[in-house]
Amino acid sequence: LDQFKTNLIRTVSHDFRTPLNAIVNGLDEIQETEANLSEHAFKVTKVCKHASAFLLYLVSDLLDYYQLKTGAFQIKKEWVNLRELISSVTDLLT
């Protein structure tokens, strides 16, 4: 049963990752190329992009969990722009 759960987490995570990346990248493309977006439409795409990116982080966490369970996890250090992170969380909550 444990092996089944582990494999399910791995499979579902991989299956969610591709469409979520497509959504985030599509919303980026809309924001960058559509100069005629209304302020409301721009805000809606921004909120959708942040929500999709958050789901993508959750999927990545599931994959990390799978790698921890199988002993394949590798730590990756990366810098985070704290100002951007706080701003994006604030945008999601308002």
N, C-alpha and C. Protein backbone atom coordinates (compact mmCIF):
# COMPACT_ATOMS: atom_id res chain seq x y z
N LEU A 1 0.82 -1.20 0.00
CA LEU A 1 0.00 0.00 0.00
C LEU A 1 0.87 1.26 0.00
N ASP A 2 1.96 1.26 0.79
CA ASP A 2 2.86 2.41 0.81
C ASP A 2 3.46 2.66 -0.56
N GLN A 3 3.88 1.59 -1.24
CA GLN A 3 4.46 1.73 -2.57
C GLN A 3 3.43 2.30 -3.55
N PHE A 4 2.19 1.86 -3.42
CA PHE A 4 1.11 2.37 -4.28
C PHE A 4 0.93 3.87 -4.07
N LYS A 5 0.90 4.32 -2.81
CA LYS A 5 0.74 5.75 -2.52
C LYS A 5 1.91 6.55 -3.08
N THR A 6 3.10 6.04 -2.90
CA THR A 6 4.29 6.73 -3.39
C THR A 6 4.25 6.87 -4.91
N ASN A 7 3.91 5.80 -5.60
CA ASN A 7 3.82 5.84 -7.06
C ASN A 7 2.69 6.76 -7.52
N LEU A 8 1.59 6.76 -6.81
CA LEU A 8 0.47 7.64 -7.16
C LEU A 8 0.89 9.10 -7.03
N ILE A 9 1.58 9.45 -5.95
CA ILE A 9 2.05 10.82 -5.75
C ILE A 9 2.98 11.22 -6.91
N ARG A 10 3.90 10.35 -7.26
CA ARG A 10 4.84 10.65 -8.34
C ARG A 10 4.10 10.85 -9.66
N THR A 11 3.19 9.96 -9.98
CA THR A 11 2.48 10.02 -11.26
C THR A 11 1.59 11.25 -11.35
N VAL A 12 0.80 11.50 -10.31
CA VAL A 12 -0.11 12.64 -10.32
C VAL A 12 0.68 13.94 -10.39
N SER A 13 1.77 14.03 -9.65
CA SER A 13 2.58 15.24 -9.65
C SER A 13 3.12 15.53 -11.04
N HIS A 14 3.64 14.53 -11.71
CA HIS A 14 4.16 14.73 -13.06
C HIS A 14 3.04 15.11 -14.02
N ASP A 15 1.87 14.50 -13.86
CA ASP A 15 0.75 14.80 -14.76
C ASP A 15 0.21 16.21 -14.57
N PHE A 16 0.31 16.76 -13.37
CA PHE A 16 -0.14 18.12 -13.12
C PHE A 16 0.88 19.16 -13.55
N ARG A 17 2.14 18.82 -13.48
CA ARG A 17 3.19 19.80 -13.72
C ARG A 17 3.14 20.40 -15.13
N THR A 18 2.96 19.57 -16.14
CA THR A 18 2.97 20.06 -17.53
C THR A 18 1.83 21.04 -17.81
N PRO A 19 0.57 20.70 -17.49
CA PRO A 19 -0.49 21.69 -17.76
C PRO A 19 -0.36 22.95 -16.92
N LEU A 20 0.11 22.84 -15.70
CA LEU A 20 0.29 24.03 -14.88
C LEU A 20 1.36 24.95 -15.46
N ASN A 21 2.44 24.36 -15.94
CA ASN A 21 3.47 25.18 -16.61
C ASN A 21 2.89 25.87 -17.84
N ALA A 22 2.04 25.18 -18.59
CA ALA A 22 1.42 25.77 -19.78
C ALA A 22 0.52 26.95 -19.39
N ILE A 23 -0.22 26.81 -18.30
CA ILE A 23 -1.09 27.90 -17.84
C ILE A 23 -0.26 29.11 -17.43
N VAL A 24 0.76 28.89 -16.60
CA VAL A 24 1.61 30.00 -16.14
C VAL A 24 2.27 30.69 -17.32
N ASN A 25 2.85 29.92 -18.24
CA ASN A 25 3.53 30.51 -19.40
C ASN A 25 2.54 31.22 -20.33
N GLY A 26 1.35 30.65 -20.50
CA GLY A 26 0.33 31.31 -21.33
C GLY A 26 -0.10 32.64 -20.75
N LEU A 27 -0.29 32.69 -19.44
CA LEU A 27 -0.67 33.95 -18.80
C LEU A 27 0.46 34.98 -18.88
N ASP A 28 1.70 34.53 -18.75
CA ASP A 28 2.85 35.42 -18.94
C ASP A 28 2.81 36.02 -20.34
N GLU A 29 2.57 35.17 -21.32
CA GLU A 29 2.54 35.61 -22.72
C GLU A 29 1.44 36.64 -22.95
N ILE A 30 0.26 36.39 -22.39
CA ILE A 30 -0.85 37.34 -22.52
C ILE A 30 -0.48 38.68 -21.92
N GLN A 31 0.10 38.67 -20.73
CA GLN A 31 0.46 39.93 -20.06
C GLN A 31 1.54 40.69 -20.82
N GLU A 32 2.48 39.96 -21.42
CA GLU A 32 3.58 40.62 -22.11
C GLU A 32 3.21 41.13 -23.49
N THR A 33 2.28 40.47 -24.17
CA THR A 33 2.00 40.82 -25.56
C THR A 33 0.73 41.62 -25.76
N GLU A 34 -0.16 41.61 -24.81
CA GLU A 34 -1.44 42.30 -24.96
C GLU A 34 -1.39 43.66 -24.28
N ALA A 35 -0.95 44.66 -25.03
CA ALA A 35 -0.85 46.01 -24.48
C ALA A 35 -2.23 46.62 -24.24
N ASN A 36 -3.25 46.08 -24.89
CA ASN A 36 -4.59 46.64 -24.79
C ASN A 36 -5.43 46.02 -23.68
N LEU A 37 -4.82 45.25 -22.81
CA LEU A 37 -5.58 44.65 -21.71
C LEU A 37 -6.08 45.75 -20.78
N SER A 38 -7.33 45.64 -20.37
CA SER A 38 -7.85 46.59 -19.40
C SER A 38 -7.15 46.33 -18.06
N GLU A 39 -7.25 47.29 -17.17
CA GLU A 39 -6.63 47.13 -15.86
C GLU A 39 -7.21 45.91 -15.14
N HIS A 40 -8.54 45.74 -15.27
CA HIS A 40 -9.20 44.60 -14.63
C HIS A 40 -8.71 43.28 -15.23
N ALA A 41 -8.62 43.21 -16.55
CA ALA A 41 -8.17 41.97 -17.22
C ALA A 41 -6.73 41.66 -16.83
N PHE A 42 -5.90 42.68 -16.74
CA PHE A 42 -4.52 42.47 -16.34
C PHE A 42 -4.45 41.92 -14.92
N LYS A 43 -5.27 42.49 -14.02
CA LYS A 43 -5.26 42.02 -12.63
C LYS A 43 -5.76 40.58 -12.55
N VAL A 44 -6.79 40.24 -13.33
CA VAL A 44 -7.32 38.88 -13.33
C VAL A 44 -6.26 37.90 -13.81
N THR A 45 -5.55 38.23 -14.89
CA THR A 45 -4.50 37.33 -15.38
C THR A 45 -3.37 37.22 -14.36
N LYS A 46 -3.08 38.30 -13.67
CA LYS A 46 -2.02 38.27 -12.66
C LYS A 46 -2.40 37.35 -11.50
N VAL A 47 -3.64 37.45 -11.03
CA VAL A 47 -4.10 36.59 -9.93
C VAL A 47 -4.10 35.13 -10.38
N CYS A 48 -4.59 34.87 -11.60
CA CYS A 48 -4.60 33.50 -12.12
C CYS A 48 -3.19 32.95 -12.24
N LYS A 49 -2.27 33.80 -12.68
CA LYS A 49 -0.88 33.37 -12.82
C LYS A 49 -0.29 33.02 -11.46
N HIS A 50 -0.54 33.84 -10.45
CA HIS A 50 0.00 33.57 -9.11
C HIS A 50 -0.63 32.31 -8.51
N ALA A 51 -1.93 32.14 -8.72
CA ALA A 51 -2.59 30.94 -8.19
C ALA A 51 -2.05 29.68 -8.87
N SER A 52 -1.84 29.76 -10.18
CA SER A 52 -1.30 28.62 -10.91
C SER A 52 0.13 28.32 -10.47
N ALA A 53 0.91 29.38 -10.27
CA ALA A 53 2.28 29.20 -9.82
C ALA A 53 2.30 28.56 -8.43
N PHE A 54 1.36 28.95 -7.57
CA PHE A 54 1.27 28.35 -6.24
C PHE A 54 0.97 26.86 -6.34
N LEU A 55 0.02 26.49 -7.21
CA LEU A 55 -0.28 25.07 -7.43
C LEU A 55 0.95 24.33 -7.95
N LEU A 56 1.71 24.98 -8.81
CA LEU A 56 2.92 24.38 -9.33
C LEU A 56 3.93 24.12 -8.21
N TYR A 57 4.03 25.05 -7.26
CA TYR A 57 4.91 24.84 -6.10
C TYR A 57 4.43 23.65 -5.27
N LEU A 58 3.11 23.52 -5.11
CA LEU A 58 2.58 22.37 -4.37
C LEU A 58 2.92 21.06 -5.06
N VAL A 59 2.79 21.05 -6.38
CA VAL A 59 3.14 19.85 -7.15
C VAL A 59 4.63 19.55 -6.98
N SER A 60 5.44 20.58 -7.01
CA SER A 60 6.88 20.38 -6.81
C SER A 60 7.16 19.82 -5.42
N ASP A 61 6.40 20.29 -4.43
CA ASP A 61 6.56 19.75 -3.07
C ASP A 61 6.22 18.26 -3.04
N LEU A 62 5.17 17.87 -3.76
CA LEU A 62 4.82 16.44 -3.82
C LEU A 62 5.94 15.63 -4.46
N LEU A 63 6.53 16.18 -5.51
CA LEU A 63 7.65 15.48 -6.15
C LEU A 63 8.85 15.40 -5.21
N ASP A 64 9.09 16.47 -4.46
CA ASP A 64 10.17 16.44 -3.47
C ASP A 64 9.90 15.36 -2.43
N TYR A 65 8.65 15.25 -2.00
CA TYR A 65 8.28 14.22 -1.03
C TYR A 65 8.59 12.83 -1.60
N TYR A 66 8.22 12.63 -2.85
CA TYR A 66 8.50 11.34 -3.50
C TYR A 66 10.00 11.07 -3.51
N GLN A 67 10.79 12.09 -3.85
CA GLN A 67 12.24 11.91 -3.90
C GLN A 67 12.82 11.65 -2.51
N LEU A 68 12.24 12.30 -1.49
CA LEU A 68 12.69 12.02 -0.12
C LEU A 68 12.41 10.57 0.25
N LYS A 69 11.23 10.09 -0.12
CA LYS A 69 10.86 8.70 0.20
C LYS A 69 11.76 7.70 -0.50
N THR A 70 12.22 8.04 -1.71
CA THR A 70 13.03 7.10 -2.49
C THR A 70 14.53 7.34 -2.34
N GLY A 71 14.91 8.39 -1.58
CA GLY A 71 16.33 8.67 -1.37
C GLY A 71 16.99 9.41 -2.51
N ALA A 72 16.19 9.97 -3.42
CA ALA A 72 16.75 10.66 -4.59
C ALA A 72 16.73 12.18 -4.45
N PHE A 73 16.34 12.70 -3.30
CA PHE A 73 16.20 14.14 -3.12
C PHE A 73 17.56 14.83 -3.07
N GLN A 74 17.67 15.96 -3.78
CA GLN A 74 18.89 16.78 -3.76
C GLN A 74 18.49 18.20 -3.40
N ILE A 75 19.19 18.78 -2.45
CA ILE A 75 18.90 20.15 -2.03
C ILE A 75 19.42 21.12 -3.08
N LYS A 76 18.56 22.08 -3.45
CA LYS A 76 18.94 23.14 -4.39
C LYS A 76 18.74 24.47 -3.70
N LYS A 77 19.80 25.22 -3.56
CA LYS A 77 19.71 26.55 -2.96
C LYS A 77 19.47 27.57 -4.05
N GLU A 78 18.55 28.51 -3.78
CA GLU A 78 18.32 29.57 -4.75
C GLU A 78 17.89 30.84 -4.01
N TRP A 79 18.24 31.96 -4.59
CA TRP A 79 17.88 33.24 -4.01
C TRP A 79 16.42 33.54 -4.34
N VAL A 80 15.75 34.17 -3.39
CA VAL A 80 14.36 34.56 -3.58
C VAL A 80 14.26 36.06 -3.34
N ASN A 81 13.59 36.75 -4.25
CA ASN A 81 13.35 38.17 -4.07
C ASN A 81 12.19 38.31 -3.08
N LEU A 82 12.50 38.63 -1.85
CA LEU A 82 11.50 38.67 -0.79
C LEU A 82 10.44 39.73 -1.07
N ARG A 83 10.83 40.84 -1.61
CA ARG A 83 9.88 41.91 -1.94
C ARG A 83 8.85 41.42 -2.95
N GLU A 84 9.31 40.72 -4.00
CA GLU A 84 8.40 40.16 -5.00
C GLU A 84 7.49 39.11 -4.39
N LEU A 85 8.05 38.27 -3.55
CA LEU A 85 7.27 37.20 -2.92
C LEU A 85 6.15 37.79 -2.06
N ILE A 86 6.47 38.76 -1.24
CA ILE A 86 5.46 39.40 -0.38
C ILE A 86 4.41 40.11 -1.23
N SER A 87 4.85 40.75 -2.30
CA SER A 87 3.91 41.45 -3.18
C SER A 87 2.94 40.47 -3.85
N SER A 88 3.46 39.33 -4.30
CA SER A 88 2.58 38.36 -4.96
C SER A 88 1.59 37.74 -3.98
N VAL A 89 2.01 37.50 -2.74
CA VAL A 89 1.09 36.97 -1.74
C VAL A 89 0.02 38.02 -1.42
N THR A 90 0.42 39.27 -1.30
CA THR A 90 -0.52 40.35 -1.04
C THR A 90 -1.54 40.45 -2.17
N ASP A 91 -1.08 40.33 -3.42
CA ASP A 91 -1.98 40.36 -4.57
C ASP A 91 -3.00 39.24 -4.52
N LEU A 92 -2.58 38.06 -4.10
CA LEU A 92 -3.49 36.94 -4.01
C LEU A 92 -4.56 37.16 -2.94
N LEU A 93 -4.19 37.84 -1.87
CA LEU A 93 -5.11 38.00 -0.76
C LEU A 93 -6.02 39.22 -0.90
N THR A 94 -5.75 40.08 -1.85
CA THR A 94 -6.60 41.28 -2.03
C THR A 94 -7.49 41.15 -3.23
